[in-house]
């Protein structure tokens, strides 16, 4: 493996090598794709309601600093930094203002999976 390829692979999974805005936008894109795929054959949202968010632990580092400066998220109830489903989904998305916990869990799970190699994130 060449040094360039190794460096590229390391940067891909290293939070220091990817700008936090790109991390957030890439994860948001994956959340939108997951919701769209989940709801593609459904006309109505699933029946049960609730909330979902992604909790960042520990609540420090470049990504959390970026979120704070951008006004995205807030301090988590039990520590960490919380990013709500409503802050993950774009304002104009069809399912952003839904009450379905099923849809919210799909989006938050897809968002959090984008960070598994970079930092410990837990789904609330």
PDB file of N, CA and C in Angstrom:
ATOM      1  N   UNK A   1       0.851  -1.172   0.000  1.00  0.00           N
ATOM      2  CA  UNK A   1       0.000   0.000   0.000  1.00  0.00           C
ATOM      3  C   UNK A   1       0.898   1.235   0.000  1.00  0.00           C
ATOM      4  N   UNK A   2       0.597   2.166  -0.869  1.00  0.00           N
ATOM      5  CA  UNK A   2       1.411   3.375  -0.951  1.00  0.00           C
ATOM      6  C   UNK A   2       1.096   4.307   0.220  1.00  0.00           C
ATOM      7  N   UNK A   3       2.011   5.206   0.471  1.00  0.00           N
ATOM      8  CA  UNK A   3       1.837   6.163   1.556  1.00  0.00           C
ATOM      9  C   UNK A   3       0.618   7.048   1.313  1.00  0.00           C
ATOM     10  N   UNK A   4       0.382   7.445   0.058  1.00  0.00           N
ATOM     11  CA  UNK A   4      -0.777   8.281  -0.261  1.00  0.00           C
ATOM     12  C   UNK A   4      -2.089   7.572   0.046  1.00  0.00           C
ATOM     13  N   UNK A   5      -2.182   6.299  -0.312  1.00  0.00           N
ATOM     14  CA  UNK A   5      -3.396   5.529  -0.057  1.00  0.00           C
ATOM     15  C   UNK A   5      -3.585   5.351   1.443  1.00  0.00           C
ATOM     16  N   UNK A   6      -2.503   5.023   2.148  1.00  0.00           N
ATOM     17  CA  UNK A   6      -2.586   4.847   3.600  1.00  0.00           C
ATOM     18  C   UNK A   6      -3.007   6.147   4.286  1.00  0.00           C
ATOM     19  N   UNK A   7      -2.441   7.251   3.838  1.00  0.00           N
ATOM     20  CA  UNK A   7      -2.798   8.550   4.413  1.00  0.00           C
ATOM     21  C   UNK A   7      -4.255   8.872   4.152  1.00  0.00           C
ATOM     22  N   UNK A   8      -4.701   8.623   2.937  1.00  0.00           N
ATOM     23  CA  UNK A   8      -6.104   8.880   2.592  1.00  0.00           C
ATOM     24  C   UNK A   8      -7.041   8.034   3.448  1.00  0.00           C
ATOM     25  N   UNK A   9      -6.693   6.763   3.650  1.00  0.00           N
ATOM     26  CA  UNK A   9      -7.525   5.884   4.475  1.00  0.00           C
ATOM     27  C   UNK A   9      -7.546   6.359   5.923  1.00  0.00           C
ATOM     28  N   UNK A  10      -6.394   6.783   6.429  1.00  0.00           N
ATOM     29  CA  UNK A  10      -6.324   7.276   7.797  1.00  0.00           C
ATOM     30  C   UNK A  10      -7.162   8.534   7.965  1.00  0.00           C
ATOM     31  N   UNK A  11      -7.046   9.459   7.036  1.00  0.00           N
ATOM     32  CA  UNK A  11      -7.804  10.701   7.126  1.00  0.00           C
ATOM     33  C   UNK A  11      -9.302  10.456   7.038  1.00  0.00           C
ATOM     34  N   UNK A  12      -9.695   9.450   6.265  1.00  0.00           N
ATOM     35  CA  UNK A  12     -11.119   9.138   6.132  1.00  0.00           C
ATOM     36  C   UNK A  12     -11.730   8.774   7.479  1.00  0.00           C
ATOM     37  N   UNK A  13     -10.961   8.092   8.322  1.00  0.00           N
ATOM     38  CA  UNK A  13     -11.486   7.634   9.606  1.00  0.00           C
ATOM     39  C   UNK A  13     -10.931   8.419  10.785  1.00  0.00           C
ATOM     40  N   UNK A  14     -10.312   9.542  10.526  1.00  0.00           N
ATOM     41  CA  UNK A  14      -9.732  10.359  11.562  1.00  0.00           C
ATOM     42  C   UNK A  14     -10.460  11.694  11.595  1.00  0.00           C
ATOM     43  N   UNK A  15     -11.051  12.016  12.720  1.00  0.00           N
ATOM     44  CA  UNK A  15     -11.829  13.250  12.832  1.00  0.00           C
ATOM     45  C   UNK A  15     -10.983  14.482  12.547  1.00  0.00           C
ATOM     46  N   UNK A  16      -9.692  14.403  12.779  1.00  0.00           N
ATOM     47  CA  UNK A  16      -8.833  15.553  12.542  1.00  0.00           C
ATOM     48  C   UNK A  16      -8.616  15.793  11.050  1.00  0.00           C
ATOM     49  N   UNK A  17      -8.848  14.788  10.212  1.00  0.00           N
ATOM     50  CA  UNK A  17      -8.567  14.908   8.790  1.00  0.00           C
ATOM     51  C   UNK A  17      -9.752  15.347   7.950  1.00  0.00           C
ATOM     52  N   UNK A  18     -10.925  15.425   8.525  1.00  0.00           N
ATOM     53  CA  UNK A  18     -12.131  15.799   7.786  1.00  0.00           C
ATOM     54  C   UNK A  18     -12.743  17.010   8.472  1.00  0.00           C
ATOM     55  N   UNK A  19     -13.068  18.025   7.687  1.00  0.00           N
ATOM     56  CA  UNK A  19     -13.658  19.225   8.269  1.00  0.00           C
ATOM     57  C   UNK A  19     -14.997  18.873   8.930  1.00  0.00           C
ATOM     58  N   UNK A  20     -15.262  19.387  10.118  1.00  0.00           N
ATOM     59  CA  UNK A  20     -16.503  19.067  10.828  1.00  0.00           C
ATOM     60  C   UNK A  20     -17.778  19.387  10.034  1.00  0.00           C
ATOM     61  N   UNK A  21     -17.760  20.442   9.232  1.00  0.00           N
ATOM     62  CA  UNK A  21     -18.942  20.767   8.425  1.00  0.00           C
ATOM     63  C   UNK A  21     -19.211  19.663   7.415  1.00  0.00           C
ATOM     64  N   UNK A  22     -18.162  19.124   6.822  1.00  0.00           N
ATOM     65  CA  UNK A  22     -18.322  18.017   5.875  1.00  0.00           C
ATOM     66  C   UNK A  22     -18.830  16.775   6.588  1.00  0.00           C
ATOM     67  N   UNK A  23     -18.314  16.508   7.775  1.00  0.00           N
ATOM     68  CA  UNK A  23     -18.793  15.361   8.558  1.00  0.00           C
ATOM     69  C   UNK A  23     -20.296  15.480   8.804  1.00  0.00           C
ATOM     70  N   UNK A  24     -20.707  16.665   9.242  1.00  0.00           N
ATOM     71  CA  UNK A  24     -22.121  16.892   9.546  1.00  0.00           C
ATOM     72  C   UNK A  24     -22.990  16.762   8.292  1.00  0.00           C
ATOM     73  N   UNK A  25     -22.567  17.398   7.202  1.00  0.00           N
ATOM     74  CA  UNK A  25     -23.367  17.358   5.976  1.00  0.00           C
ATOM     75  C   UNK A  25     -23.413  15.961   5.365  1.00  0.00           C
ATOM     76  N   UNK A  26     -22.298  15.230   5.427  1.00  0.00           N
ATOM     77  CA  UNK A  26     -22.293  13.853   4.922  1.00  0.00           C
ATOM     78  C   UNK A  26     -23.209  12.962   5.750  1.00  0.00           C
ATOM     79  N   UNK A  27     -23.155  13.123   7.069  1.00  0.00           N
ATOM     80  CA  UNK A  27     -24.016  12.325   7.942  1.00  0.00           C
ATOM     81  C   UNK A  27     -25.487  12.693   7.742  1.00  0.00           C
ATOM     82  N   UNK A  28     -25.751  13.973   7.553  1.00  0.00           N
ATOM     83  CA  UNK A  28     -27.121  14.425   7.295  1.00  0.00           C
ATOM     84  C   UNK A  28     -27.638  13.811   5.993  1.00  0.00           C
ATOM     85  N   UNK A  29     -26.792  13.784   4.975  1.00  0.00           N
ATOM     86  CA  UNK A  29     -27.177  13.194   3.692  1.00  0.00           C
ATOM     87  C   UNK A  29     -27.535  11.711   3.854  1.00  0.00           C
ATOM     88  N   UNK A  30     -26.757  10.997   4.655  1.00  0.00           N
ATOM     89  CA  UNK A  30     -27.049   9.585   4.893  1.00  0.00           C
ATOM     90  C   UNK A  30     -28.365   9.410   5.659  1.00  0.00           C
ATOM     91  N   UNK A  31     -28.635  10.307   6.590  1.00  0.00           N
ATOM     92  CA  UNK A  31     -29.896  10.256   7.334  1.00  0.00           C
ATOM     93  C   UNK A  31     -31.079  10.483   6.394  1.00  0.00           C
ATOM     94  N   UNK A  32     -30.971  11.451   5.513  1.00  0.00           N
ATOM     95  CA  UNK A  32     -32.044  11.736   4.549  1.00  0.00           C
ATOM     96  C   UNK A  32     -32.269  10.540   3.631  1.00  0.00           C
ATOM     97  N   UNK A  33     -31.187   9.952   3.129  1.00  0.00           N
ATOM     98  CA  UNK A  33     -31.312   8.771   2.263  1.00  0.00           C
ATOM     99  C   UNK A  33     -31.987   7.623   2.995  1.00  0.00           C
ATOM    100  N   UNK A  34     -31.620   7.421   4.252  1.00  0.00           N
ATOM    101  CA  UNK A  34     -32.208   6.327   5.034  1.00  0.00           C
ATOM    102  C   UNK A  34     -33.708   6.546   5.241  1.00  0.00           C
ATOM    103  N   UNK A  35     -34.104   7.767   5.542  1.00  0.00           N
ATOM    104  CA  UNK A  35     -35.534   8.068   5.736  1.00  0.00           C
ATOM    105  C   UNK A  35     -36.287   7.910   4.420  1.00  0.00           C
ATOM    106  N   UNK A  36     -35.729   8.440   3.352  1.00  0.00           N
ATOM    107  CA  UNK A  36     -36.390   8.325   2.045  1.00  0.00           C
ATOM    108  C   UNK A  36     -36.568   6.862   1.648  1.00  0.00           C
ATOM    109  N   UNK A  37     -35.548   6.053   1.867  1.00  0.00           N
ATOM    110  CA  UNK A  37     -35.625   4.620   1.541  1.00  0.00           C
ATOM    111  C   UNK A  37     -36.661   3.928   2.427  1.00  0.00           C
ATOM    112  N   UNK A  38     -36.655   4.262   3.711  1.00  0.00           N
ATOM    113  CA  UNK A  38     -37.594   3.658   4.664  1.00  0.00           C
ATOM    114  C   UNK A  38     -39.042   3.997   4.326  1.00  0.00           C
ATOM    115  N   UNK A  39     -39.269   5.209   3.834  1.00  0.00           N
ATOM    116  CA  UNK A  39     -40.642   5.678   3.603  1.00  0.00           C
ATOM    117  C   UNK A  39     -41.068   5.601   2.139  1.00  0.00           C
ATOM    118  N   UNK A  40     -40.255   5.035   1.255  1.00  0.00           N
ATOM    119  CA  UNK A  40     -40.553   5.085  -0.179  1.00  0.00           C
ATOM    120  C   UNK A  40     -41.864   4.399  -0.568  1.00  0.00           C
ATOM    121  N   UNK A  41     -42.259   3.360   0.134  1.00  0.00           N
ATOM    122  CA  UNK A  41     -43.501   2.649  -0.199  1.00  0.00           C
ATOM    123  C   UNK A  41     -44.637   2.955   0.761  1.00  0.00           C
ATOM    124  N   UNK A  42     -44.455   3.953   1.594  1.00  0.00           N
ATOM    125  CA  UNK A  42     -45.471   4.295   2.596  1.00  0.00           C
ATOM    126  C   UNK A  42     -46.063   5.662   2.285  1.00  0.00           C
ATOM    127  N   UNK A  43     -47.351   5.768   2.448  1.00  0.00           N
ATOM    128  CA  UNK A  43     -48.011   7.056   2.225  1.00  0.00           C
ATOM    129  C   UNK A  43     -48.162   7.841   3.518  1.00  0.00           C
ATOM    130  N   UNK A  44     -48.213   7.128   4.641  1.00  0.00           N
ATOM    131  CA  UNK A  44     -48.386   7.776   5.935  1.00  0.00           C
ATOM    132  C   UNK A  44     -47.264   7.332   6.864  1.00  0.00           C
ATOM    133  N   UNK A  45     -46.997   8.157   7.852  1.00  0.00           N
ATOM    134  CA  UNK A  45     -45.974   7.790   8.816  1.00  0.00           C
ATOM    135  C   UNK A  45     -46.500   6.712   9.767  1.00  0.00           C
ATOM    136  N   UNK A  46     -45.592   5.862  10.295  1.00  0.00           N
ATOM    137  CA  UNK A  46     -46.009   4.855  11.274  1.00  0.00           C
ATOM    138  C   UNK A  46     -46.691   5.508  12.470  1.00  0.00           C
ATOM    139  N   UNK A  47     -47.471   4.736  13.188  1.00  0.00           N
ATOM    140  CA  UNK A  47     -48.409   5.300  14.153  1.00  0.00           C
ATOM    141  C   UNK A  47     -47.827   5.785  15.480  1.00  0.00           C
ATOM    142  N   UNK A  48     -46.797   5.173  16.016  1.00  0.00           N
ATOM    143  CA  UNK A  48     -46.364   5.588  17.350  1.00  0.00           C
ATOM    144  C   UNK A  48     -45.469   6.824  17.269  1.00  0.00           C
ATOM    145  N   UNK A  49     -45.569   7.676  18.292  1.00  0.00           N
ATOM    146  CA  UNK A  49     -44.821   8.931  18.252  1.00  0.00           C
ATOM    147  C   UNK A  49     -43.765   8.961  19.348  1.00  0.00           C
ATOM    148  N   UNK A  50     -42.817   9.837  19.180  1.00  0.00           N
ATOM    149  CA  UNK A  50     -41.753   9.978  20.161  1.00  0.00           C
ATOM    150  C   UNK A  50     -40.646  10.854  19.623  1.00  0.00           C
ATOM    151  N   UNK A  51     -39.526  10.848  20.319  1.00  0.00           N
ATOM    152  CA  UNK A  51     -38.386  11.687  19.965  1.00  0.00           C
ATOM    153  C   UNK A  51     -37.152  10.820  19.786  1.00  0.00           C
ATOM    154  N   UNK A  52     -36.211  11.303  19.004  1.00  0.00           N
ATOM    155  CA  UNK A  52     -34.924  10.626  18.846  1.00  0.00           C
ATOM    156  C   UNK A  52     -33.853  11.679  18.636  1.00  0.00           C
ATOM    157  N   UNK A  53     -32.669  11.365  19.100  1.00  0.00           N
ATOM    158  CA  UNK A  53     -31.534  12.258  18.920  1.00  0.00           C
ATOM    159  C   UNK A  53     -30.260  11.429  18.951  1.00  0.00           C
ATOM    160  N   UNK A  54     -29.171  12.056  18.564  1.00  0.00           N
ATOM    161  CA  UNK A  54     -27.863  11.423  18.632  1.00  0.00           C
ATOM    162  C   UNK A  54     -27.100  12.129  19.743  1.00  0.00           C
ATOM    163  N   UNK A  55     -26.493  11.351  20.610  1.00  0.00           N
ATOM    164  CA  UNK A  55     -25.725  11.902  21.716  1.00  0.00           C
ATOM    165  C   UNK A  55     -24.245  11.660  21.473  1.00  0.00           C
ATOM    166  N   UNK A  56     -23.457  12.726  21.523  1.00  0.00           N
ATOM    167  CA  UNK A  56     -22.023  12.649  21.269  1.00  0.00           C
ATOM    168  C   UNK A  56     -21.297  12.564  22.616  1.00  0.00           C
ATOM    169  N   UNK A  57     -20.514  11.511  22.773  1.00  0.00           N
ATOM    170  CA  UNK A  57     -19.725  11.321  24.001  1.00  0.00           C
ATOM    171  C   UNK A  57     -18.295  11.031  23.621  1.00  0.00           C
ATOM    172  N   UNK A  58     -17.341  11.709  24.131  1.00  0.00           N
ATOM    173  CA  UNK A  58     -17.419  12.869  25.021  1.00  0.00           C
ATOM    174  C   UNK A  58     -17.775  14.131  24.243  1.00  0.00           C
ATOM    175  N   UNK A  59     -18.294  15.099  24.941  1.00  0.00           N
ATOM    176  CA  UNK A  59     -18.768  16.336  24.309  1.00  0.00           C
ATOM    177  C   UNK A  59     -17.628  17.338  24.162  1.00  0.00           C
ATOM    178  N   UNK A  60     -16.627  16.948  23.393  1.00  0.00           N
ATOM    179  CA  UNK A  60     -15.507  17.850  23.129  1.00  0.00           C
ATOM    180  C   UNK A  60     -14.904  17.487  21.772  1.00  0.00           C
ATOM    181  N   UNK A  61     -13.977  18.290  21.336  1.00  0.00           N
ATOM    182  CA  UNK A  61     -13.324  18.040  20.059  1.00  0.00           C
ATOM    183  C   UNK A  61     -13.812  19.009  19.000  1.00  0.00           C
ATOM    184  N   UNK A  62     -13.198  18.899  17.829  1.00  0.00           N
ATOM    185  CA  UNK A  62     -13.504  19.827  16.738  1.00  0.00           C
ATOM    186  C   UNK A  62     -14.947  19.716  16.273  1.00  0.00           C
ATOM    187  N   UNK A  63     -15.478  18.489  16.222  1.00  0.00           N
ATOM    188  CA  UNK A  63     -16.845  18.327  15.724  1.00  0.00           C
ATOM    189  C   UNK A  63     -17.850  19.003  16.658  1.00  0.00           C
ATOM    190  N   UNK A  64     -17.725  18.768  17.945  1.00  0.00           N
ATOM    191  CA  UNK A  64     -18.652  19.386  18.906  1.00  0.00           C
ATOM    192  C   UNK A  64     -18.454  20.899  18.930  1.00  0.00           C
ATOM    193  N   UNK A  65     -17.220  21.363  18.856  1.00  0.00           N
ATOM    194  CA  UNK A  65     -16.967  22.814  18.796  1.00  0.00           C
ATOM    195  C   UNK A  65     -17.648  23.430  17.578  1.00  0.00           C
ATOM    196  N   UNK A  66     -17.554  22.738  16.441  1.00  0.00           N
ATOM    197  CA  UNK A  66     -18.211  23.221  15.229  1.00  0.00           C
ATOM    198  C   UNK A  66     -19.727  23.302  15.443  1.00  0.00           C
ATOM    199  N   UNK A  67     -20.317  22.243  16.005  1.00  0.00           N
ATOM    200  CA  UNK A  67     -21.763  22.233  16.231  1.00  0.00           C
ATOM    201  C   UNK A  67     -22.189  23.389  17.131  1.00  0.00           C
ATOM    202  N   UNK A  68     -21.442  23.618  18.188  1.00  0.00           N
ATOM    203  CA  UNK A  68     -21.771  24.713  19.109  1.00  0.00           C
ATOM    204  C   UNK A  68     -21.710  26.068  18.408  1.00  0.00           C
ATOM    205  N   UNK A  69     -20.660  26.285  17.623  1.00  0.00           N
ATOM    206  CA  UNK A  69     -20.527  27.557  16.894  1.00  0.00           C
ATOM    207  C   UNK A  69     -21.631  27.730  15.865  1.00  0.00           C
ATOM    208  N   UNK A  70     -22.072  26.622  15.269  1.00  0.00           N
ATOM    209  CA  UNK A  70     -23.122  26.669  14.253  1.00  0.00           C
ATOM    210  C   UNK A  70     -24.519  26.723  14.872  1.00  0.00           C
ATOM    211  N   UNK A  71     -24.611  26.587  16.188  1.00  0.00           N
ATOM    212  CA  UNK A  71     -25.915  26.623  16.852  1.00  0.00           C
ATOM    213  C   UNK A  71     -26.717  25.345  16.652  1.00  0.00           C
ATOM    214  N   UNK A  72     -26.023  24.235  16.437  1.00  0.00           N
ATOM    215  CA  UNK A  72     -26.677  22.941  16.235  1.00  0.00           C
ATOM    216  C   UNK A  72     -26.498  22.112  17.494  1.00  0.00           C
ATOM    217  N   UNK A  73     -27.596  21.617  18.050  1.00  0.00           N
ATOM    218  CA  UNK A  73     -27.523  20.754  19.215  1.00  0.00           C
ATOM    219  C   UNK A  73     -27.447  21.514  20.525  1.00  0.00           C
ATOM    220  N   UNK A  74     -27.353  20.742  21.613  1.00  0.00           N
ATOM    221  CA  UNK A  74     -27.249  21.321  22.952  1.00  0.00           C
ATOM    222  C   UNK A  74     -26.654  20.291  23.903  1.00  0.00           C
ATOM    223  N   UNK A  75     -26.438  20.708  25.135  1.00  0.00           N
ATOM    224  CA  UNK A  75     -25.889  19.793  26.122  1.00  0.00           C
ATOM    225  C   UNK A  75     -26.883  18.673  26.405  1.00  0.00           C
ATOM    226  N   UNK A  76     -26.387  17.456  26.451  1.00  0.00           N
ATOM    227  CA  UNK A  76     -27.243  16.310  26.715  1.00  0.00           C
ATOM    228  C   UNK A  76     -27.681  16.251  28.168  1.00  0.00           C
ATOM    229  N   UNK A  77     -28.820  15.655  28.404  1.00  0.00           N
ATOM    230  CA  UNK A  77     -29.381  15.545  29.751  1.00  0.00           C
ATOM    231  C   UNK A  77     -28.454  14.768  30.684  1.00  0.00           C
ATOM    232  N   UNK A  78     -27.858  13.709  30.171  1.00  0.00           N
ATOM    233  CA  UNK A  78     -26.952  12.879  30.978  1.00  0.00           C
ATOM    234  C   UNK A  78     -25.512  13.016  30.480  1.00  0.00           C
ATOM    235  N   UNK A  79     -25.119  14.209  30.151  1.00  0.00           N
ATOM    236  CA  UNK A  79     -23.782  14.447  29.645  1.00  0.00           C
ATOM    237  C   UNK A  79     -23.747  14.310  28.139  1.00  0.00           C
ATOM    238  N   UNK A  80     -22.617  14.568  27.571  1.00  0.00           N
ATOM    239  CA  UNK A  80     -22.492  14.496  26.123  1.00  0.00           C
ATOM    240  C   UNK A  80     -23.107  15.717  25.460  1.00  0.00           C
ATOM    241  N   UNK A  81     -23.205  15.648  24.163  1.00  0.00           N
ATOM    242  CA  UNK A  81     -23.785  16.722  23.373  1.00  0.00           C
ATOM    243  C   UNK A  81     -24.868  16.129  22.488  1.00  0.00           C
ATOM    244  N   UNK A  82     -26.067  16.668  22.546  1.00  0.00           N
ATOM    245  CA  UNK A  82     -27.235  16.089  21.888  1.00  0.00           C
ATOM    246  C   UNK A  82     -27.557  16.808  20.584  1.00  0.00           C
ATOM    247  N   UNK A  83     -27.763  16.005  19.526  1.00  0.00           N
ATOM    248  CA  UNK A  83     -28.199  16.528  18.231  1.00  0.00           C
ATOM    249  C   UNK A  83     -29.570  15.933  17.956  1.00  0.00           C
ATOM    250  N   UNK A  84     -30.577  16.765  17.939  1.00  0.00           N
ATOM    251  CA  UNK A  84     -31.953  16.320  17.744  1.00  0.00           C
ATOM    252  C   UNK A  84     -32.216  15.908  16.296  1.00  0.00           C
ATOM    253  N   UNK A  85     -33.176  15.030  16.123  1.00  0.00           N
ATOM    254  CA  UNK A  85     -33.645  14.640  14.790  1.00  0.00           C
ATOM    255  C   UNK A  85     -33.984  15.877  13.963  1.00  0.00           C
ATOM    256  N   UNK A  86     -34.602  16.855  14.595  1.00  0.00           N
ATOM    257  CA  UNK A  86     -35.032  18.059  13.880  1.00  0.00           C
ATOM    258  C   UNK A  86     -33.848  18.884  13.384  1.00  0.00           C
ATOM    259  N   UNK A  87     -32.692  18.727  14.016  1.00  0.00           N
ATOM    260  CA  UNK A  87     -31.494  19.432  13.570  1.00  0.00           C
ATOM    261  C   UNK A  87     -30.707  18.611  12.541  1.00  0.00           C
ATOM    262  N   UNK A  88     -31.026  17.353  12.451  1.00  0.00           N
ATOM    263  CA  UNK A  88     -30.386  16.487  11.463  1.00  0.00           C
ATOM    264  C   UNK A  88     -31.082  16.609  10.113  1.00  0.00           C
ATOM    265  N   UNK A  89     -32.387  16.588  10.117  1.00  0.00           N
ATOM    266  CA  UNK A  89     -33.141  16.630   8.867  1.00  0.00           C
ATOM    267  C   UNK A  89     -33.228  18.060   8.320  1.00  0.00           C
ATOM    268  N   UNK A  90     -33.091  18.214   7.005  1.00  0.00           N
ATOM    269  CA  UNK A  90     -33.196  19.553   6.396  1.00  0.00           C
ATOM    270  C   UNK A  90     -34.590  20.155   6.627  1.00  0.00           C
ATOM    271  N   UNK A  91     -34.677  21.469   6.756  1.00  0.00           N
ATOM    272  CA  UNK A  91     -35.960  22.122   7.039  1.00  0.00           C
ATOM    273  C   UNK A  91     -37.052  21.853   6.011  1.00  0.00           C
ATOM    274  N   UNK A  92     -36.681  21.614   4.760  1.00  0.00           N
ATOM    275  CA  UNK A  92     -37.683  21.428   3.712  1.00  0.00           C
ATOM    276  C   UNK A  92     -37.991  19.957   3.415  1.00  0.00           C
ATOM    277  N   UNK A  93     -37.476  19.034   4.218  1.00  0.00           N
ATOM    278  CA  UNK A  93     -37.716  17.614   3.954  1.00  0.00           C
ATOM    279  C   UNK A  93     -39.142  17.234   4.351  1.00  0.00           C
ATOM    280  N   UNK A  94     -39.750  16.396   3.543  1.00  0.00           N
ATOM    281  CA  UNK A  94     -41.150  15.984   3.740  1.00  0.00           C
ATOM    282  C   UNK A  94     -41.417  15.418   5.141  1.00  0.00           C
ATOM    283  N   UNK A  95     -40.476  14.640   5.676  1.00  0.00           N
ATOM    284  CA  UNK A  95     -40.705  13.955   6.954  1.00  0.00           C
ATOM    285  C   UNK A  95     -40.044  14.653   8.139  1.00  0.00           C
ATOM    286  N   UNK A  96     -39.579  15.879   7.966  1.00  0.00           N
ATOM    287  CA  UNK A  96     -38.907  16.562   9.078  1.00  0.00           C
ATOM    288  C   UNK A  96     -39.850  16.844  10.236  1.00  0.00           C
ATOM    289  N   UNK A  97     -41.062  17.223   9.947  1.00  0.00           N
ATOM    290  CA  UNK A  97     -42.002  17.624  10.997  1.00  0.00           C
ATOM    291  C   UNK A  97     -42.967  16.513  11.374  1.00  0.00           C
ATOM    292  N   UNK A  98     -42.536  15.289  11.215  1.00  0.00           N
ATOM    293  CA  UNK A  98     -43.400  14.164  11.564  1.00  0.00           C
ATOM    294  C   UNK A  98     -43.338  13.903  13.067  1.00  0.00           C
ATOM    295  N   UNK A  99     -44.248  13.060  13.543  1.00  0.00           N
ATOM    296  CA  UNK A  99     -44.234  12.657  14.941  1.00  0.00           C
ATOM    297  C   UNK A  99     -43.742  11.227  15.107  1.00  0.00           C
ATOM    298  N   UNK A 100     -43.561  10.514  14.019  1.00  0.00           N
ATOM    299  CA  UNK A 100     -43.208   9.093  14.063  1.00  0.00           C
ATOM    300  C   UNK A 100     -41.817   8.861  14.634  1.00  0.00           C
ATOM    301  N   UNK A 101     -41.771   8.114  15.721  1.00  0.00           N
ATOM    302  CA  UNK A 101     -40.482   7.766  16.307  1.00  0.00           C
ATOM    303  C   UNK A 101     -39.723   6.810  15.399  1.00  0.00           C
ATOM    304  N   UNK A 102     -40.439   6.001  14.645  1.00  0.00           N
ATOM    305  CA  UNK A 102     -39.814   5.058  13.714  1.00  0.00           C
ATOM    306  C   UNK A 102     -38.954   5.812  12.695  1.00  0.00           C
ATOM    307  N   UNK A 103     -39.491   6.836  12.096  1.00  0.00           N
ATOM    308  CA  UNK A 103     -38.765   7.646  11.112  1.00  0.00           C
ATOM    309  C   UNK A 103     -37.572   8.327  11.773  1.00  0.00           C
ATOM    310  N   UNK A 104     -37.782   8.867  12.953  1.00  0.00           N
ATOM    311  CA  UNK A 104     -36.716   9.572  13.659  1.00  0.00           C
ATOM    312  C   UNK A 104     -35.573   8.632  14.029  1.00  0.00           C
ATOM    313  N   UNK A 105     -35.910   7.415  14.438  1.00  0.00           N
ATOM    314  CA  UNK A 105     -34.875   6.440  14.785  1.00  0.00           C
ATOM    315  C   UNK A 105     -34.054   6.039  13.562  1.00  0.00           C
ATOM    316  N   UNK A 106     -34.719   5.872  12.425  1.00  0.00           N
ATOM    317  CA  UNK A 106     -34.010   5.527  11.183  1.00  0.00           C
ATOM    318  C   UNK A 106     -33.007   6.627  10.831  1.00  0.00           C
ATOM    319  N   UNK A 107     -33.437   7.878  10.917  1.00  0.00           N
ATOM    320  CA  UNK A 107     -32.561   9.005  10.584  1.00  0.00           C
ATOM    321  C   UNK A 107     -31.393   9.112  11.566  1.00  0.00           C
ATOM    322  N   UNK A 108     -31.672   9.041  12.842  1.00  0.00           N
ATOM    323  CA  UNK A 108     -30.619   9.182  13.849  1.00  0.00           C
ATOM    324  C   UNK A 108     -29.632   8.019  13.797  1.00  0.00           C
ATOM    325  N   UNK A 109     -30.131   6.829  13.540  1.00  0.00           N
ATOM    326  CA  UNK A 109     -29.249   5.671  13.432  1.00  0.00           C
ATOM    327  C   UNK A 109     -28.302   5.831  12.242  1.00  0.00           C
ATOM    328  N   UNK A 110     -28.829   6.256  11.099  1.00  0.00           N
ATOM    329  CA  UNK A 110     -27.993   6.462   9.910  1.00  0.00           C
ATOM    330  C   UNK A 110     -26.977   7.577  10.151  1.00  0.00           C
ATOM    331  N   UNK A 111     -27.399   8.636  10.818  1.00  0.00           N
ATOM    332  CA  UNK A 111     -26.507   9.754  11.124  1.00  0.00           C
ATOM    333  C   UNK A 111     -25.368   9.275  12.022  1.00  0.00           C
ATOM    334  N   UNK A 112     -25.699   8.562  13.080  1.00  0.00           N
ATOM    335  CA  UNK A 112     -24.688   8.102  14.043  1.00  0.00           C
ATOM    336  C   UNK A 112     -23.721   7.095  13.430  1.00  0.00           C
ATOM    337  N   UNK A 113     -24.205   6.253  12.528  1.00  0.00           N
ATOM    338  CA  UNK A 113     -23.337   5.242  11.913  1.00  0.00           C
ATOM    339  C   UNK A 113     -22.207   5.869  11.108  1.00  0.00           C
ATOM    340  N   UNK A 114     -22.397   7.077  10.640  1.00  0.00           N
ATOM    341  CA  UNK A 114     -21.348   7.767   9.884  1.00  0.00           C
ATOM    342  C   UNK A 114     -20.143   8.089  10.755  1.00  0.00           C
ATOM    343  N   UNK A 115     -20.307   8.027  12.069  1.00  0.00           N
ATOM    344  CA  UNK A 115     -19.238   8.428  12.984  1.00  0.00           C
ATOM    345  C   UNK A 115     -18.644   7.268  13.773  1.00  0.00           C
ATOM    346  N   UNK A 116     -19.049   6.062  13.483  1.00  0.00           N
ATOM    347  CA  UNK A 116     -18.581   4.922  14.268  1.00  0.00           C
ATOM    348  C   UNK A 116     -17.064   4.788  14.283  1.00  0.00           C
ATOM    349  N   UNK A 117     -16.407   5.088  13.188  1.00  0.00           N
ATOM    350  CA  UNK A 117     -14.954   4.935  13.103  1.00  0.00           C
ATOM    351  C   UNK A 117     -14.216   6.151  13.676  1.00  0.00           C
ATOM    352  N   UNK A 118     -14.924   7.249  13.914  1.00  0.00           N
ATOM    353  CA  UNK A 118     -14.277   8.473  14.326  1.00  0.00           C
ATOM    354  C   UNK A 118     -14.381   8.693  15.827  1.00  0.00           C
ATOM    355  N   UNK A 119     -15.545   8.508  16.366  1.00  0.00           N
ATOM    356  CA  UNK A 119     -15.813   8.882  17.752  1.00  0.00           C
ATOM    357  C   UNK A 119     -16.945   7.997  18.281  1.00  0.00           C
ATOM    358  N   UNK A 120     -17.039   7.902  19.573  1.00  0.00           N
ATOM    359  CA  UNK A 120     -18.116   7.129  20.164  1.00  0.00           C
ATOM    360  C   UNK A 120     -19.378   7.972  20.206  1.00  0.00           C
ATOM    361  N   UNK A 121     -20.395   7.525  19.524  1.00  0.00           N
ATOM    362  CA  UNK A 121     -21.696   8.199  19.533  1.00  0.00           C
ATOM    363  C   UNK A 121     -22.721   7.183  20.011  1.00  0.00           C
ATOM    364  N   UNK A 122     -23.673   7.650  20.752  1.00  0.00           N
ATOM    365  CA  UNK A 122     -24.722   6.739  21.181  1.00  0.00           C
ATOM    366  C   UNK A 122     -26.066   7.293  20.752  1.00  0.00           C
ATOM    367  N   UNK A 123     -26.947   6.395  20.404  1.00  0.00           N
ATOM    368  CA  UNK A 123     -28.287   6.770  19.969  1.00  0.00           C
ATOM    369  C   UNK A 123     -29.201   6.803  21.171  1.00  0.00           C
ATOM    370  N   UNK A 124     -29.907   7.908  21.356  1.00  0.00           N
ATOM    371  CA  UNK A 124     -30.861   8.006  22.464  1.00  0.00           C
ATOM    372  C   UNK A 124     -32.240   7.683  21.968  1.00  0.00           C
TER     373      UNK A 124
END
